[in-house]
Amino acid sequence: MGRSGGVIICLLILSMDIVAGILGIEAEIAQNKGKYLRVFILECKEPVRQAYKLGLAAAVLLALAHAIANVLGGCKCICSKDEFVRSSANKQMAAGTLILSWIIVIVGFAMLIMGAIANSRSRVSCSLVHRHFLSIGGILCFVHGLFCVAYYVSADATRRE
């Protein structure tokens, strides 16, 4: 793919992750506007439907951005230490950012889903304090965007070698 195609893909991935991050943070803000009572480490709160919708949308966008980066970037795997030493810097960078992007997407997606599920119920629930899942997931969306773009660029450079 030409340079302009690569730039468009990078912008697409980055914009999806930025929108997912903003949605995650907006979901946290909507959740904080809901009614809740906190006693020591227990918290009773009323679910906020808007936070559920925003958190779920953020999780879907994060997963789509990750899928696009991985499908279009290809698989640049390094299976042994000898192969790692012999491979080019671009391939090493691609493998490293691929692993980090997977770790970040797993944690970020889990945080967004846990935050959304906490707001999916139709009645008040009481449990241990588990706040800020949505905002942490939103922040991880921004970090994910950086690593996915770095992965795509280094994987594309490896393919050109």
C-alpha atoms as a PDB file:
ATOM      1  CA  MET A   1       0.000   0.000   0.000  1.00  0.00           C
ATOM      2  CA  GLY A   2       1.281   3.469  -0.811  1.00  0.00           C
ATOM      3  CA  ARG A   3       2.247   6.138   1.663  1.00  0.00           C
ATOM      4  CA  SER A   4      -1.112   7.913   1.448  1.00  0.00           C
ATOM      5  CA  GLY A   5      -2.922   4.637   2.210  1.00  0.00           C
ATOM      6  CA  GLY A   6      -0.703   4.037   5.224  1.00  0.00           C
ATOM      7  CA  VAL A   7      -1.329   7.548   6.511  1.00  0.00           C
ATOM      8  CA  ILE A   8      -5.082   7.086   6.119  1.00  0.00           C
ATOM      9  CA  ILE A   9      -4.972   3.777   8.012  1.00  0.00           C
ATOM     10  CA  CYS A  10      -2.898   5.327  10.814  1.00  0.00           C
ATOM     11  CA  LEU A  11      -5.317   8.260  11.056  1.00  0.00           C
ATOM     12  CA  LEU A  12      -8.273   5.871  11.094  1.00  0.00           C
ATOM     13  CA  ILE A  13      -6.793   3.778  13.907  1.00  0.00           C
ATOM     14  CA  LEU A  14      -5.770   6.842  15.885  1.00  0.00           C
ATOM     15  CA  SER A  15      -9.127   8.578  15.447  1.00  0.00           C
ATOM     16  CA  MET A  16     -11.050   5.462  16.514  1.00  0.00           C
ATOM     17  CA  ASP A  17      -8.916   5.147  19.640  1.00  0.00           C
ATOM     18  CA  ILE A  18      -9.271   8.846  20.448  1.00  0.00           C
ATOM     19  CA  VAL A  19     -13.059   8.674  20.095  1.00  0.00           C
ATOM     20  CA  ALA A  20     -13.107   5.509  22.233  1.00  0.00           C
ATOM     21  CA  GLY A  21     -11.034   7.262  24.898  1.00  0.00           C
ATOM     22  CA  ILE A  22     -13.310  10.288  24.914  1.00  0.00           C
ATOM     23  CA  LEU A  23     -16.381   8.046  25.138  1.00  0.00           C
ATOM     24  CA  GLY A  24     -14.846   6.156  28.075  1.00  0.00           C
ATOM     25  CA  ILE A  25     -14.126   9.363  29.955  1.00  0.00           C
ATOM     26  CA  GLU A  26     -17.590  10.740  29.130  1.00  0.00           C
ATOM     27  CA  ALA A  27     -19.089   7.489  30.454  1.00  0.00           C
ATOM     28  CA  GLU A  28     -17.214   8.007  33.723  1.00  0.00           C
ATOM     29  CA  ILE A  29     -18.539  11.572  33.945  1.00  0.00           C
ATOM     30  CA  ALA A  30     -22.099  10.345  33.308  1.00  0.00           C
ATOM     31  CA  GLN A  31     -21.668   7.622  35.922  1.00  0.00           C
ATOM     32  CA  ASN A  32     -20.480  10.135  38.507  1.00  0.00           C
ATOM     33  CA  LYS A  33     -23.665  12.177  37.982  1.00  0.00           C
ATOM     34  CA  GLY A  34     -25.742   9.215  39.193  1.00  0.00           C
ATOM     35  CA  LYS A  35     -26.894   8.777  42.784  1.00  0.00           C
ATOM     36  CA  TYR A  36     -24.735   6.734  45.103  1.00  0.00           C
ATOM     37  CA  LEU A  37     -24.093   6.184  48.797  1.00  0.00           C
ATOM     38  CA  ARG A  38     -20.680   5.156  50.071  1.00  0.00           C
ATOM     39  CA  VAL A  39     -20.087   3.655  53.526  1.00  0.00           C
ATOM     40  CA  PHE A  40     -16.478   2.645  54.220  1.00  0.00           C
ATOM     41  CA  ILE A  41     -15.592   0.193  51.440  1.00  0.00           C
ATOM     42  CA  LEU A  42     -19.183  -0.537  50.385  1.00  0.00           C
ATOM     43  CA  GLU A  43     -20.932   1.502  47.751  1.00  0.00           C
ATOM     44  CA  CYS A  44     -24.590   1.451  46.744  1.00  0.00           C
ATOM     45  CA  LYS A  45     -25.277   3.127  43.458  1.00  0.00           C
ATOM     46  CA  GLU A  46     -27.994   3.603  40.942  1.00  0.00           C
ATOM     47  CA  PRO A  47     -26.944   2.538  37.440  1.00  0.00           C
ATOM     48  CA  VAL A  48     -26.729   5.211  34.767  1.00  0.00           C
ATOM     49  CA  ARG A  49     -27.970   4.050  31.366  1.00  0.00           C
ATOM     50  CA  GLN A  50     -25.978   6.728  29.523  1.00  0.00           C
ATOM     51  CA  ALA A  51     -22.738   5.479  31.116  1.00  0.00           C
ATOM     52  CA  TYR A  52     -23.615   1.951  29.992  1.00  0.00           C
ATOM     53  CA  LYS A  53     -24.144   3.044  26.387  1.00  0.00           C
ATOM     54  CA  LEU A  54     -21.003   5.182  26.245  1.00  0.00           C
ATOM     55  CA  GLY A  55     -18.832   2.516  27.890  1.00  0.00           C
ATOM     56  CA  LEU A  56     -20.082  -0.147  25.525  1.00  0.00           C
ATOM     57  CA  ALA A  57     -19.511   2.095  22.486  1.00  0.00           C
ATOM     58  CA  ALA A  58     -15.964   2.819  23.690  1.00  0.00           C
ATOM     59  CA  ALA A  59     -15.246  -0.907  24.079  1.00  0.00           C
ATOM     60  CA  VAL A  60     -16.545  -1.654  20.570  1.00  0.00           C
ATOM     61  CA  LEU A  61     -14.442   1.130  19.015  1.00  0.00           C
ATOM     62  CA  LEU A  62     -11.341  -0.049  20.892  1.00  0.00           C
ATOM     63  CA  ALA A  63     -11.851  -3.607  19.622  1.00  0.00           C
ATOM     64  CA  LEU A  64     -12.428  -2.401  16.042  1.00  0.00           C
ATOM     65  CA  ALA A  65      -9.312  -0.224  16.064  1.00  0.00           C
ATOM     66  CA  HIS A  66      -7.280  -3.146  17.366  1.00  0.00           C
ATOM     67  CA  ALA A  67      -8.692  -5.508  14.744  1.00  0.00           C
ATOM     68  CA  ILE A  68      -7.971  -3.062  11.915  1.00  0.00           C
ATOM     69  CA  ALA A  69      -4.385  -2.527  13.070  1.00  0.00           C
ATOM     70  CA  ASN A  70      -3.741  -6.263  13.394  1.00  0.00           C
ATOM     71  CA  VAL A  71      -5.401  -7.326  10.153  1.00  0.00           C
ATOM     72  CA  LEU A  72      -3.819  -4.613   8.024  1.00  0.00           C
ATOM     73  CA  GLY A  73      -0.469  -4.738   9.832  1.00  0.00           C
ATOM     74  CA  GLY A  74      -0.092  -8.489   9.445  1.00  0.00           C
ATOM     75  CA  CYS A  75       1.685 -10.794  11.858  1.00  0.00           C
ATOM     76  CA  LYS A  76       5.307  -9.982  12.596  1.00  0.00           C
ATOM     77  CA  CYS A  77       6.046 -12.707  15.114  1.00  0.00           C
ATOM     78  CA  ILE A  78       9.421 -13.602  16.548  1.00  0.00           C
ATOM     79  CA  CYS A  79       9.424 -17.084  18.048  1.00  0.00           C
ATOM     80  CA  SER A  80      12.941 -17.480  19.442  1.00  0.00           C
ATOM     81  CA  LYS A  81      15.780 -15.441  20.903  1.00  0.00           C
ATOM     82  CA  ASP A  82      18.011 -16.262  17.924  1.00  0.00           C
ATOM     83  CA  GLU A  83      15.354 -15.052  15.506  1.00  0.00           C
ATOM     84  CA  PHE A  84      14.987 -11.876  17.569  1.00  0.00           C
ATOM     85  CA  VAL A  85      18.735 -11.174  17.400  1.00  0.00           C
ATOM     86  CA  ARG A  86      18.847 -11.828  13.633  1.00  0.00           C
ATOM     87  CA  SER A  87      15.761  -9.781  12.760  1.00  0.00           C
ATOM     88  CA  SER A  88      15.817  -6.155  11.690  1.00  0.00           C
ATOM     89  CA  ALA A  89      15.061  -3.259  14.020  1.00  0.00           C
ATOM     90  CA  ASN A  90      11.723  -2.724  12.265  1.00  0.00           C
ATOM     91  CA  LYS A  91      10.673  -6.328  12.877  1.00  0.00           C
ATOM     92  CA  GLN A  92      11.784  -6.126  16.514  1.00  0.00           C
ATOM     93  CA  MET A  93       9.799  -2.927  16.925  1.00  0.00           C
ATOM     94  CA  ALA A  94       6.751  -4.491  15.268  1.00  0.00           C
ATOM     95  CA  ALA A  95       6.880  -7.550  17.525  1.00  0.00           C
ATOM     96  CA  GLY A  96       7.338  -5.453  20.671  1.00  0.00           C
ATOM     97  CA  THR A  97       4.556  -3.002  19.909  1.00  0.00           C
ATOM     98  CA  LEU A  98       2.271  -5.882  18.874  1.00  0.00           C
ATOM     99  CA  ILE A  99       2.710  -7.536  22.262  1.00  0.00           C
ATOM    100  CA  LEU A 100       2.219  -4.261  24.138  1.00  0.00           C
ATOM    101  CA  SER A 101      -0.867  -3.374  22.109  1.00  0.00           C
ATOM    102  CA  TRP A 102      -2.417  -6.750  22.952  1.00  0.00           C
ATOM    103  CA  ILE A 103      -1.744  -6.254  26.663  1.00  0.00           C
ATOM    104  CA  ILE A 104      -3.204  -2.753  26.577  1.00  0.00           C
ATOM    105  CA  VAL A 105      -6.299  -3.781  24.598  1.00  0.00           C
ATOM    106  CA  ILE A 106      -7.030  -6.676  26.969  1.00  0.00           C
ATOM    107  CA  VAL A 107      -6.787  -4.494  30.069  1.00  0.00           C
ATOM    108  CA  GLY A 108      -8.557  -1.494  28.510  1.00  0.00           C
ATOM    109  CA  PHE A 109     -11.364  -3.581  27.022  1.00  0.00           C
ATOM    110  CA  ALA A 110     -11.882  -5.393  30.333  1.00  0.00           C
ATOM    111  CA  MET A 111     -12.041  -2.088  32.238  1.00  0.00           C
ATOM    112  CA  LEU A 112     -14.559  -0.605  29.799  1.00  0.00           C
ATOM    113  CA  ILE A 113     -16.736  -3.718  29.865  1.00  0.00           C
ATOM    114  CA  MET A 114     -16.652  -3.936  33.680  1.00  0.00           C
ATOM    115  CA  GLY A 115     -17.631  -0.280  33.919  1.00  0.00           C
ATOM    116  CA  ALA A 116     -20.417  -0.715  31.387  1.00  0.00           C
ATOM    117  CA  ILE A 117     -21.771  -3.866  33.041  1.00  0.00           C
ATOM    118  CA  ALA A 118     -21.868  -2.087  36.396  1.00  0.00           C
ATOM    119  CA  ASN A 119     -24.279   0.384  34.775  1.00  0.00           C
ATOM    120  CA  SER A 120     -26.370  -2.158  32.855  1.00  0.00           C
ATOM    121  CA  ARG A 121     -28.584  -3.237  35.726  1.00  0.00           C
ATOM    122  CA  SER A 122     -31.996  -1.725  36.172  1.00  0.00           C
ATOM    123  CA  ARG A 123     -31.901  -1.390  39.960  1.00  0.00           C
ATOM    124  CA  VAL A 124     -29.603  -0.170  42.712  1.00  0.00           C
ATOM    125  CA  SER A 125     -26.744  -2.524  43.544  1.00  0.00           C
ATOM    126  CA  CYS A 126     -24.329  -2.568  46.458  1.00  0.00           C
ATOM    127  CA  SER A 127     -20.795  -3.907  46.270  1.00  0.00           C
ATOM    128  CA  LEU A 128     -17.189  -3.107  47.047  1.00  0.00           C
ATOM    129  CA  VAL A 129     -15.962   0.194  45.669  1.00  0.00           C
ATOM    130  CA  HIS A 130     -14.992  -0.224  42.004  1.00  0.00           C
ATOM    131  CA  ARG A 131     -14.855   3.230  40.576  1.00  0.00           C
ATOM    132  CA  HIS A 132     -12.904   4.718  37.696  1.00  0.00           C
ATOM    133  CA  PHE A 133     -13.053   1.617  35.480  1.00  0.00           C
ATOM    134  CA  LEU A 134     -14.467   3.664  32.620  1.00  0.00           C
ATOM    135  CA  SER A 135     -11.956   6.517  32.839  1.00  0.00           C
ATOM    136  CA  ILE A 136      -8.976   4.161  33.148  1.00  0.00           C
ATOM    137  CA  GLY A 137     -10.274   2.211  30.143  1.00  0.00           C
ATOM    138  CA  GLY A 138     -10.662   5.508  28.263  1.00  0.00           C
ATOM    139  CA  ILE A 139      -7.093   6.535  29.035  1.00  0.00           C
ATOM    140  CA  LEU A 140      -5.842   3.136  27.900  1.00  0.00           C
ATOM    141  CA  CYS A 141      -7.617   3.737  24.572  1.00  0.00           C
ATOM    142  CA  PHE A 142      -5.311   6.716  23.967  1.00  0.00           C
ATOM    143  CA  VAL A 143      -2.233   4.628  24.833  1.00  0.00           C
ATOM    144  CA  HIS A 144      -3.508   1.822  22.628  1.00  0.00           C
ATOM    145  CA  GLY A 145      -3.757   4.218  19.686  1.00  0.00           C
ATOM    146  CA  LEU A 146      -0.103   5.158  20.014  1.00  0.00           C
ATOM    147  CA  PHE A 147       1.073   1.557  20.178  1.00  0.00           C
ATOM    148  CA  CYS A 148      -1.146   0.435  17.294  1.00  0.00           C
ATOM    149  CA  VAL A 149       0.107   3.208  15.040  1.00  0.00           C
ATOM    150  CA  ALA A 150       3.702   2.365  15.989  1.00  0.00           C
ATOM    151  CA  TYR A 151       2.959  -1.297  15.238  1.00  0.00           C
ATOM    152  CA  TYR A 152       1.375  -0.567  11.870  1.00  0.00           C
ATOM    153  CA  VAL A 153       4.215   1.714  10.782  1.00  0.00           C
ATOM    154  CA  SER A 154       6.939  -0.740  11.833  1.00  0.00           C
ATOM    155  CA  ALA A 155       5.067  -3.722  10.330  1.00  0.00           C
ATOM    156  CA  ASP A 156       4.661  -1.819   7.060  1.00  0.00           C
ATOM    157  CA  ALA A 157       8.371  -0.949   7.107  1.00  0.00           C
ATOM    158  CA  THR A 158       9.207  -4.619   7.704  1.00  0.00           C
ATOM    159  CA  ARG A 159       7.034  -5.627   4.754  1.00  0.00           C
ATOM    160  CA  ARG A 160       8.881  -3.113   2.527  1.00  0.00           C
ATOM    161  CA  GLU A 161      12.335  -4.477   3.500  1.00  0.00           C
END
